[in-house]
Amino acid sequence: MFNARTDRNQKDLVKALRGIGAIVWPTHRLGGGFPDLLVGFKKTFYLFEIKDPQQPPSGRLLTGPEEKFFRMFLEYPVHKVETFLQCYDILTK
């Protein structure tokens, strides 16, 4: 396990997701490009890689390991998100 930092908006996203009934398990410490959150909603699991919308665009890019993870799991529900609205749209479509 890594002592990974969290994005500034992660705590608020977790709270908002739990507020709509989602099960949220923080996974940011796994490292190796694994996304930040495992989210269960309406009997489906999602993986969310959180990026801070207050960072410049260059600070919101996927890292090399994150890109590799996204490529490996291309056909699975893995998403890069910045806001609760993005999360909500993904969970409810």
PDB file of N, CA and C in Angstrom:
ATOM      1  N   MET A   1       0.832  -1.184   0.000  1.00  0.00           N
ATOM      2  CA  MET A   1       0.000   0.000   0.000  1.00  0.00           C
ATOM      3  C   MET A   1       0.874   1.244   0.000  1.00  0.00           C
ATOM      4  N   PHE A   2       0.363   2.250  -0.657  1.00  0.00           N
ATOM      5  CA  PHE A   2       1.072   3.512  -0.760  1.00  0.00           C
ATOM      6  C   PHE A   2       0.405   4.545   0.132  1.00  0.00           C
ATOM      7  N   ASN A   3       1.154   5.532   0.538  1.00  0.00           N
ATOM      8  CA  ASN A   3       0.580   6.645   1.290  1.00  0.00           C
ATOM      9  C   ASN A   3       0.227   7.736   0.289  1.00  0.00           C
ATOM     10  N   ALA A   4      -0.763   7.461  -0.538  1.00  0.00           N
ATOM     11  CA  ALA A   4      -1.134   8.364  -1.619  1.00  0.00           C
ATOM     12  C   ALA A   4      -1.956   9.534  -1.099  1.00  0.00           C
ATOM     13  N   ARG A   5      -1.744  10.671  -1.711  1.00  0.00           N
ATOM     14  CA  ARG A   5      -2.542  11.843  -1.369  1.00  0.00           C
ATOM     15  C   ARG A   5      -3.891  11.739  -2.068  1.00  0.00           C
ATOM     16  N   THR A   6      -4.851  12.455  -1.548  1.00  0.00           N
ATOM     17  CA  THR A   6      -6.158  12.491  -2.192  1.00  0.00           C
ATOM     18  C   THR A   6      -6.320  13.842  -2.865  1.00  0.00           C
ATOM     19  N   ASP A   7      -7.136  13.866  -3.892  1.00  0.00           N
ATOM     20  CA  ASP A   7      -7.463  15.143  -4.520  1.00  0.00           C
ATOM     21  C   ASP A   7      -8.330  15.940  -3.557  1.00  0.00           C
ATOM     22  N   ARG A   8      -8.228  17.232  -3.651  1.00  0.00           N
ATOM     23  CA  ARG A   8      -8.928  18.155  -2.743  1.00  0.00           C
ATOM     24  C   ARG A   8     -10.440  17.905  -2.728  1.00  0.00           C
ATOM     25  N   ASN A   9     -11.012  17.446  -3.815  1.00  0.00           N
ATOM     26  CA  ASN A   9     -12.455  17.262  -3.921  1.00  0.00           C
ATOM     27  C   ASN A   9     -12.925  15.849  -3.566  1.00  0.00           C
ATOM     28  N   GLN A  10     -12.006  14.947  -3.244  1.00  0.00           N
ATOM     29  CA  GLN A  10     -12.404  13.553  -2.997  1.00  0.00           C
ATOM     30  C   GLN A  10     -13.364  13.418  -1.819  1.00  0.00           C
ATOM     31  N   LYS A  11     -13.076  14.068  -0.720  1.00  0.00           N
ATOM     32  CA  LYS A  11     -13.926  13.951   0.470  1.00  0.00           C
ATOM     33  C   LYS A  11     -15.358  14.396   0.168  1.00  0.00           C
ATOM     34  N   ASP A  12     -15.505  15.513  -0.550  1.00  0.00           N
ATOM     35  CA  ASP A  12     -16.841  16.009  -0.897  1.00  0.00           C
ATOM     36  C   ASP A  12     -17.554  15.065  -1.858  1.00  0.00           C
ATOM     37  N   LEU A  13     -16.818  14.500  -2.803  1.00  0.00           N
ATOM     38  CA  LEU A  13     -17.432  13.557  -3.740  1.00  0.00           C
ATOM     39  C   LEU A  13     -17.917  12.307  -3.008  1.00  0.00           C
ATOM     40  N   VAL A  14     -17.095  11.795  -2.106  1.00  0.00           N
ATOM     41  CA  VAL A  14     -17.490  10.615  -1.332  1.00  0.00           C
ATOM     42  C   VAL A  14     -18.763  10.906  -0.539  1.00  0.00           C
ATOM     43  N   LYS A  15     -18.803  12.047   0.129  1.00  0.00           N
ATOM     44  CA  LYS A  15     -19.982  12.427   0.919  1.00  0.00           C
ATOM     45  C   LYS A  15     -21.229  12.537   0.035  1.00  0.00           C
ATOM     46  N   ALA A  16     -21.094  13.182  -1.106  1.00  0.00           N
ATOM     47  CA  ALA A  16     -22.241  13.360  -2.010  1.00  0.00           C
ATOM     48  C   ALA A  16     -22.707  12.022  -2.589  1.00  0.00           C
ATOM     49  N   LEU A  17     -21.776  11.176  -2.950  1.00  0.00           N
ATOM     50  CA  LEU A  17     -22.146   9.856  -3.483  1.00  0.00           C
ATOM     51  C   LEU A  17     -22.865   9.023  -2.434  1.00  0.00           C
ATOM     52  N   ARG A  18     -22.357   9.037  -1.229  1.00  0.00           N
ATOM     53  CA  ARG A  18     -23.032   8.311  -0.148  1.00  0.00           C
ATOM     54  C   ARG A  18     -24.400   8.923   0.137  1.00  0.00           C
ATOM     55  N   GLY A  19     -24.530  10.226  -0.084  1.00  0.00           N
ATOM     56  CA  GLY A  19     -25.804  10.913   0.118  1.00  0.00           C
ATOM     57  C   GLY A  19     -26.899  10.463  -0.826  1.00  0.00           C
ATOM     58  N   ILE A  20     -26.531   9.920  -1.976  1.00  0.00           N
ATOM     59  CA  ILE A  20     -27.547   9.412  -2.913  1.00  0.00           C
ATOM     60  C   ILE A  20     -27.700   7.893  -2.798  1.00  0.00           C
ATOM     61  N   GLY A  21     -27.062   7.322  -1.767  1.00  0.00           N
ATOM     62  CA  GLY A  21     -27.227   5.894  -1.522  1.00  0.00           C
ATOM     63  C   GLY A  21     -26.160   4.997  -2.118  1.00  0.00           C
ATOM     64  N   ALA A  22     -25.105   5.571  -2.651  1.00  0.00           N
ATOM     65  CA  ALA A  22     -24.023   4.762  -3.214  1.00  0.00           C
ATOM     66  C   ALA A  22     -23.155   4.203  -2.089  1.00  0.00           C
ATOM     67  N   ILE A  23     -22.600   3.037  -2.317  1.00  0.00           N
ATOM     68  CA  ILE A  23     -21.592   2.473  -1.436  1.00  0.00           C
ATOM     69  C   ILE A  23     -20.253   2.908  -2.005  1.00  0.00           C
ATOM     70  N   VAL A  24     -19.416   3.510  -1.184  1.00  0.00           N
ATOM     71  CA  VAL A  24     -18.146   4.067  -1.676  1.00  0.00           C
ATOM     72  C   VAL A  24     -16.996   3.489  -0.864  1.00  0.00           C
ATOM     73  N   TRP A  25     -16.015   2.953  -1.567  1.00  0.00           N
ATOM     74  CA  TRP A  25     -14.822   2.424  -0.924  1.00  0.00           C
ATOM     75  C   TRP A  25     -13.610   3.145  -1.509  1.00  0.00           C
ATOM     76  N   PRO A  26     -12.921   3.979  -0.728  1.00  0.00           N
ATOM     77  CA  PRO A  26     -11.724   4.651  -1.233  1.00  0.00           C
ATOM     78  C   PRO A  26     -10.612   3.635  -1.535  1.00  0.00           C
ATOM     79  N   THR A  27     -10.041   3.737  -2.712  1.00  0.00           N
ATOM     80  CA  THR A  27      -9.000   2.801  -3.155  1.00  0.00           C
ATOM     81  C   THR A  27      -7.743   3.534  -3.613  1.00  0.00           C
ATOM     82  N   HIS A  28      -7.645   4.816  -3.320  1.00  0.00           N
ATOM     83  CA  HIS A  28      -6.527   5.622  -3.811  1.00  0.00           C
ATOM     84  C   HIS A  28      -5.179   5.143  -3.289  1.00  0.00           C
ATOM     85  N   ARG A  29      -5.155   4.435  -2.195  1.00  0.00           N
ATOM     86  CA  ARG A  29      -3.884   3.977  -1.622  1.00  0.00           C
ATOM     87  C   ARG A  29      -3.335   2.717  -2.286  1.00  0.00           C
ATOM     88  N   LEU A  30      -4.088   2.109  -3.166  1.00  0.00           N
ATOM     89  CA  LEU A  30      -3.611   0.896  -3.820  1.00  0.00           C
ATOM     90  C   LEU A  30      -2.444   1.173  -4.757  1.00  0.00           C
ATOM     91  N   GLY A  31      -2.422   2.361  -5.349  1.00  0.00           N
ATOM     92  CA  GLY A  31      -1.318   2.720  -6.248  1.00  0.00           C
ATOM     93  C   GLY A  31      -1.357   1.940  -7.552  1.00  0.00           C
ATOM     94  N   GLY A  32      -0.282   2.046  -8.300  1.00  0.00           N
ATOM     95  CA  GLY A  32      -0.174   1.319  -9.560  1.00  0.00           C
ATOM     96  C   GLY A  32      -1.166   1.747 -10.612  1.00  0.00           C
ATOM     97  N   GLY A  33      -1.747   2.941 -10.468  1.00  0.00           N
ATOM     98  CA  GLY A  33      -2.714   3.416 -11.446  1.00  0.00           C
ATOM     99  C   GLY A  33      -4.145   3.038 -11.131  1.00  0.00           C
ATOM    100  N   PHE A  34      -4.356   2.295 -10.027  1.00  0.00           N
ATOM    101  CA  PHE A  34      -5.722   1.902  -9.680  1.00  0.00           C
ATOM    102  C   PHE A  34      -6.530   3.156  -9.346  1.00  0.00           C
ATOM    103  N   PRO A  35      -7.780   3.252  -9.838  1.00  0.00           N
ATOM    104  CA  PRO A  35      -8.599   4.444  -9.588  1.00  0.00           C
ATOM    105  C   PRO A  35      -8.827   4.716  -8.098  1.00  0.00           C
ATOM    106  N   ASP A  36      -9.299   5.922  -7.809  1.00  0.00           N
ATOM    107  CA  ASP A  36      -9.433   6.414  -6.443  1.00  0.00           C
ATOM    108  C   ASP A  36     -10.605   5.841  -5.657  1.00  0.00           C
ATOM    109  N   LEU A  37     -11.701   5.521  -6.347  1.00  0.00           N
ATOM    110  CA  LEU A  37     -12.904   5.064  -5.646  1.00  0.00           C
ATOM    111  C   LEU A  37     -13.525   3.863  -6.347  1.00  0.00           C
ATOM    112  N   LEU A  38     -13.986   2.918  -5.539  1.00  0.00           N
ATOM    113  CA  LEU A  38     -14.873   1.853  -5.998  1.00  0.00           C
ATOM    114  C   LEU A  38     -16.261   2.247  -5.516  1.00  0.00           C
ATOM    115  N   VAL A  39     -17.199   2.364  -6.440  1.00  0.00           N
ATOM    116  CA  VAL A  39     -18.543   2.840  -6.115  1.00  0.00           C
ATOM    117  C   VAL A  39     -19.560   1.796  -6.535  1.00  0.00           C
ATOM    118  N   GLY A  40     -20.424   1.433  -5.617  1.00  0.00           N
ATOM    119  CA  GLY A  40     -21.534   0.540  -5.923  1.00  0.00           C
ATOM    120  C   GLY A  40     -22.817   1.325  -5.929  1.00  0.00           C
ATOM    121  N   PHE A  41     -23.581   1.181  -7.017  1.00  0.00           N
ATOM    122  CA  PHE A  41     -24.839   1.917  -7.124  1.00  0.00           C
ATOM    123  C   PHE A  41     -25.807   1.109  -7.974  1.00  0.00           C
ATOM    124  N   LYS A  42     -26.955   0.820  -7.426  1.00  0.00           N
ATOM    125  CA  LYS A  42     -27.997   0.057  -8.117  1.00  0.00           C
ATOM    126  C   LYS A  42     -27.436  -1.232  -8.727  1.00  0.00           C
ATOM    127  N   LYS A  43     -26.746  -1.992  -7.893  1.00  0.00           N
ATOM    128  CA  LYS A  43     -26.226  -3.326  -8.227  1.00  0.00           C
ATOM    129  C   LYS A  43     -25.165  -3.322  -9.321  1.00  0.00           C
ATOM    130  N   THR A  44     -24.482  -2.192  -9.495  1.00  0.00           N
ATOM    131  CA  THR A  44     -23.391  -2.094 -10.466  1.00  0.00           C
ATOM    132  C   THR A  44     -22.207  -1.436  -9.780  1.00  0.00           C
ATOM    133  N   PHE A  45     -21.006  -1.928 -10.097  1.00  0.00           N
ATOM    134  CA  PHE A  45     -19.787  -1.323  -9.587  1.00  0.00           C
ATOM    135  C   PHE A  45     -19.180  -0.398 -10.625  1.00  0.00           C
ATOM    136  N   TYR A  46     -18.610   0.682 -10.163  1.00  0.00           N
ATOM    137  CA  TYR A  46     -17.916   1.661 -11.001  1.00  0.00           C
ATOM    138  C   TYR A  46     -16.580   1.975 -10.346  1.00  0.00           C
ATOM    139  N   LEU A  47     -15.607   2.322 -11.156  1.00  0.00           N
ATOM    140  CA  LEU A  47     -14.332   2.814 -10.663  1.00  0.00           C
ATOM    141  C   LEU A  47     -14.194   4.263 -11.118  1.00  0.00           C
ATOM    142  N   PHE A  48     -13.906   5.152 -10.171  1.00  0.00           N
ATOM    143  CA  PHE A  48     -13.748   6.568 -10.472  1.00  0.00           C
ATOM    144  C   PHE A  48     -12.323   7.018 -10.157  1.00  0.00           C
ATOM    145  N   GLU A  49     -11.683   7.609 -11.142  1.00  0.00           N
ATOM    146  CA  GLU A  49     -10.404   8.289 -10.948  1.00  0.00           C
ATOM    147  C   GLU A  49     -10.739   9.763 -10.792  1.00  0.00           C
ATOM    148  N   ILE A  50     -10.452  10.310  -9.633  1.00  0.00           N
ATOM    149  CA  ILE A  50     -10.815  11.692  -9.332  1.00  0.00           C
ATOM    150  C   ILE A  50      -9.687  12.636  -9.728  1.00  0.00           C
ATOM    151  N   LYS A  51     -10.081  13.711 -10.369  1.00  0.00           N
ATOM    152  CA  LYS A  51      -9.160  14.805 -10.672  1.00  0.00           C
ATOM    153  C   LYS A  51      -9.768  16.090 -10.125  1.00  0.00           C
ATOM    154  N   ASP A  52      -8.929  16.965  -9.665  1.00  0.00           N
ATOM    155  CA  ASP A  52      -9.358  18.217  -9.038  1.00  0.00           C
ATOM    156  C   ASP A  52      -9.620  19.280 -10.105  1.00  0.00           C
ATOM    157  N   PRO A  53     -10.864  19.744 -10.247  1.00  0.00           N
ATOM    158  CA  PRO A  53     -11.177  20.735 -11.270  1.00  0.00           C
ATOM    159  C   PRO A  53     -10.508  22.089 -11.039  1.00  0.00           C
ATOM    160  N   GLN A  54      -9.971  22.310  -9.844  1.00  0.00           N
ATOM    161  CA  GLN A  54      -9.283  23.580  -9.571  1.00  0.00           C
ATOM    162  C   GLN A  54      -7.827  23.563 -10.054  1.00  0.00           C
ATOM    163  N   GLN A  55      -7.358  22.397 -10.459  1.00  0.00           N
ATOM    164  CA  GLN A  55      -6.006  22.299 -11.002  1.00  0.00           C
ATOM    165  C   GLN A  55      -6.006  22.750 -12.457  1.00  0.00           C
ATOM    166  N   PRO A  56      -4.874  23.200 -12.968  1.00  0.00           N
ATOM    167  CA  PRO A  56      -4.807  23.512 -14.401  1.00  0.00           C
ATOM    168  C   PRO A  56      -5.008  22.231 -15.211  1.00  0.00           C
ATOM    169  N   PRO A  57      -5.392  22.355 -16.468  1.00  0.00           N
ATOM    170  CA  PRO A  57      -5.626  21.155 -17.282  1.00  0.00           C
ATOM    171  C   PRO A  57      -4.474  20.143 -17.228  1.00  0.00           C
ATOM    172  N   SER A  58      -3.250  20.629 -17.186  1.00  0.00           N
ATOM    173  CA  SER A  58      -2.115  19.700 -17.136  1.00  0.00           C
ATOM    174  C   SER A  58      -2.089  18.906 -15.831  1.00  0.00           C
ATOM    175  N   GLY A  59      -2.661  19.446 -14.776  1.00  0.00           N
ATOM    176  CA  GLY A  59      -2.713  18.761 -13.492  1.00  0.00           C
ATOM    177  C   GLY A  59      -3.857  17.782 -13.372  1.00  0.00           C
ATOM    178  N   ARG A  60      -4.705  17.731 -14.399  1.00  0.00           N
ATOM    179  CA  ARG A  60      -5.856  16.824 -14.395  1.00  0.00           C
ATOM    180  C   ARG A  60      -5.690  15.658 -15.359  1.00  0.00           C
ATOM    181  N   LEU A  61      -4.515  15.554 -15.938  1.00  0.00           N
ATOM    182  CA  LEU A  61      -4.260  14.444 -16.863  1.00  0.00           C
ATOM    183  C   LEU A  61      -4.032  13.153 -16.084  1.00  0.00           C
ATOM    184  N   LEU A  62      -4.323  12.034 -16.717  1.00  0.00           N
ATOM    185  CA  LEU A  62      -4.021  10.745 -16.114  1.00  0.00           C
ATOM    186  C   LEU A  62      -2.509  10.560 -16.082  1.00  0.00           C
ATOM    187  N   THR A  63      -2.019   9.936 -15.026  1.00  0.00           N
ATOM    188  CA  THR A  63      -0.601   9.596 -14.963  1.00  0.00           C
ATOM    189  C   THR A  63      -0.346   8.397 -15.876  1.00  0.00           C
ATOM    190  N   GLY A  64       0.906   8.075 -16.097  1.00  0.00           N
ATOM    191  CA  GLY A  64       1.241   6.908 -16.920  1.00  0.00           C
ATOM    192  C   GLY A  64       0.585   5.628 -16.420  1.00  0.00           C
ATOM    193  N   PRO A  65       0.721   5.296 -15.123  1.00  0.00           N
ATOM    194  CA  PRO A  65       0.058   4.094 -14.617  1.00  0.00           C
ATOM    195  C   PRO A  65      -1.470   4.148 -14.728  1.00  0.00           C
ATOM    196  N   GLU A  66      -2.052   5.330 -14.537  1.00  0.00           N
ATOM    197  CA  GLU A  66      -3.506   5.465 -14.679  1.00  0.00           C
ATOM    198  C   GLU A  66      -3.929   5.220 -16.120  1.00  0.00           C
ATOM    199  N   GLU A  67      -3.186   5.768 -17.076  1.00  0.00           N
ATOM    200  CA  GLU A  67      -3.488   5.528 -18.489  1.00  0.00           C
ATOM    201  C   GLU A  67      -3.440   4.045 -18.806  1.00  0.00           C
ATOM    202  N   LYS A  68      -2.428   3.369 -18.293  1.00  0.00           N
ATOM    203  CA  LYS A  68      -2.293   1.921 -18.525  1.00  0.00           C
ATOM    204  C   LYS A  68      -3.501   1.178 -17.964  1.00  0.00           C
ATOM    205  N   PHE A  69      -3.920   1.536 -16.754  1.00  0.00           N
ATOM    206  CA  PHE A  69      -5.088   0.901 -16.143  1.00  0.00           C
ATOM    207  C   PHE A  69      -6.327   1.121 -17.011  1.00  0.00           C
ATOM    208  N   PHE A  70      -6.537   2.356 -17.443  1.00  0.00           N
ATOM    209  CA  PHE A  70      -7.709   2.665 -18.284  1.00  0.00           C
ATOM    210  C   PHE A  70      -7.684   1.854 -19.576  1.00  0.00           C
ATOM    211  N   ARG A  71      -6.514   1.692 -20.178  1.00  0.00           N
ATOM    212  CA  ARG A  71      -6.412   0.894 -21.415  1.00  0.00           C
ATOM    213  C   ARG A  71      -6.722  -0.574 -21.151  1.00  0.00           C
ATOM    214  N   MET A  72      -6.209  -1.094 -20.043  1.00  0.00           N
ATOM    215  CA  MET A  72      -6.431  -2.506 -19.713  1.00  0.00           C
ATOM    216  C   MET A  72      -7.901  -2.808 -19.453  1.00  0.00           C
ATOM    217  N   PHE A  73      -8.614  -1.854 -18.881  1.00  0.00           N
ATOM    218  CA  PHE A  73     -10.008  -2.063 -18.506  1.00  0.00           C
ATOM    219  C   PHE A  73     -10.954  -1.224 -19.373  1.00  0.00           C
ATOM    220  N   LEU A  74     -10.590  -1.080 -20.621  1.00  0.00           N
ATOM    221  CA  LEU A  74     -11.321  -0.232 -21.560  1.00  0.00           C
ATOM    222  C   LEU A  74     -12.813  -0.573 -21.650  1.00  0.00           C
ATOM    223  N   GLU A  75     -13.155  -1.845 -21.533  1.00  0.00           N
ATOM    224  CA  GLU A  75     -14.547  -2.260 -21.690  1.00  0.00           C
ATOM    225  C   GLU A  75     -15.313  -2.296 -20.375  1.00  0.00           C
ATOM    226  N   TYR A  76     -14.714  -1.796 -19.319  1.00  0.00           N
ATOM    227  CA  TYR A  76     -15.336  -1.808 -17.996  1.00  0.00           C
ATOM    228  C   TYR A  76     -15.675  -0.390 -17.556  1.00  0.00           C
ATOM    229  N   PRO A  77     -16.539  -0.255 -16.530  1.00  0.00           N
ATOM    230  CA  PRO A  77     -16.946   1.084 -16.088  1.00  0.00           C
ATOM    231  C   PRO A  77     -15.875   1.775 -15.237  1.00  0.00           C
ATOM    232  N   VAL A  78     -14.857   2.309 -15.915  1.00  0.00           N
ATOM    233  CA  VAL A  78     -13.804   3.091 -15.277  1.00  0.00           C
ATOM    234  C   VAL A  78     -13.905   4.510 -15.828  1.00  0.00           C
ATOM    235  N   HIS A  79     -13.992   5.490 -14.935  1.00  0.00           N
ATOM    236  CA  HIS A  79     -14.256   6.856 -15.369  1.00  0.00           C
ATOM    237  C   HIS A  79     -13.353   7.859 -14.671  1.00  0.00           C
ATOM    238  N   LYS A  80     -12.921   8.858 -15.414  1.00  0.00           N
ATOM    239  CA  LYS A  80     -12.218  10.011 -14.850  1.00  0.00           C
ATOM    240  C   LYS A  80     -13.273  11.066 -14.555  1.00  0.00           C
ATOM    241  N   VAL A  81     -13.341  11.529 -13.294  1.00  0.00           N
ATOM    242  CA  VAL A  81     -14.364  12.490 -12.890  1.00  0.00           C
ATOM    243  C   VAL A  81     -13.744  13.637 -12.109  1.00  0.00           C
ATOM    244  N   GLU A  82     -14.429  14.766 -12.169  1.00  0.00           N
ATOM    245  CA  GLU A  82     -14.007  15.947 -11.417  1.00  0.00           C
ATOM    246  C   GLU A  82     -15.104  16.462 -10.501  1.00  0.00           C
ATOM    247  N   THR A  83     -16.356  16.234 -10.866  1.00  0.00           N
ATOM    248  CA  THR A  83     -17.472  16.819 -10.120  1.00  0.00           C
ATOM    249  C   THR A  83     -18.516  15.763  -9.767  1.00  0.00           C
ATOM    250  N   PHE A  84     -19.339  16.098  -8.783  1.00  0.00           N
ATOM    251  CA  PHE A  84     -20.435  15.195  -8.424  1.00  0.00           C
ATOM    252  C   PHE A  84     -21.398  15.033  -9.589  1.00  0.00           C
ATOM    253  N   LEU A  85     -21.668  16.099 -10.319  1.00  0.00           N
ATOM    254  CA  LEU A  85     -22.585  16.005 -11.455  1.00  0.00           C
ATOM    255  C   LEU A  85     -22.090  14.976 -12.479  1.00  0.00           C
ATOM    256  N   GLN A  86     -20.792  14.959 -12.741  1.00  0.00           N
ATOM    257  CA  GLN A  86     -20.241  13.941 -13.648  1.00  0.00           C
ATOM    258  C   GLN A  86     -20.487  12.541 -13.083  1.00  0.00           C
ATOM    259  N   CYS A  87     -20.234  12.363 -11.803  1.00  0.00           N
ATOM    260  CA  CYS A  87     -20.460  11.068 -11.162  1.00  0.00           C
ATOM    261  C   CYS A  87     -21.930  10.666 -11.278  1.00  0.00           C
ATOM    262  N   TYR A  88     -22.802  11.596 -10.944  1.00  0.00           N
ATOM    263  CA  TYR A  88     -24.247  11.330 -10.967  1.00  0.00           C
ATOM    264  C   TYR A  88     -24.708  10.945 -12.375  1.00  0.00           C
ATOM    265  N   ASP A  89     -24.229  11.674 -13.371  1.00  0.00           N
ATOM    266  CA  ASP A  89     -24.598  11.362 -14.757  1.00  0.00           C
ATOM    267  C   ASP A  89     -24.167   9.944 -15.132  1.00  0.00           C
ATOM    268  N   ILE A  90     -22.984   9.552 -14.725  1.00  0.00           N
ATOM    269  CA  ILE A  90     -22.485   8.202 -15.018  1.00  0.00           C
ATOM    270  C   ILE A  90     -23.333   7.152 -14.308  1.00  0.00           C
ATOM    271  N   LEU A  91     -23.651   7.386 -13.050  1.00  0.00           N
ATOM    272  CA  LEU A  91     -24.397   6.413 -12.269  1.00  0.00           C
ATOM    273  C   LEU A  91     -25.848   6.267 -12.706  1.00  0.00           C
ATOM    274  N   THR A  92     -26.410   7.296 -13.304  1.00  0.00           N
ATOM    275  CA  THR A  92     -27.840   7.265 -13.622  1.00  0.00           C
ATOM    276  C   THR A  92     -28.156   7.107 -15.100  1.00  0.00           C
ATOM    277  N   LYS A  93     -27.141   6.936 -15.926  1.00  0.00           N
ATOM    278  CA  LYS A  93     -27.470   6.769 -17.356  1.00  0.00           C
ATOM    279  C   LYS A  93     -27.795   5.344 -17.697  1.00  0.00           C
TER     280      LYS A  93
END
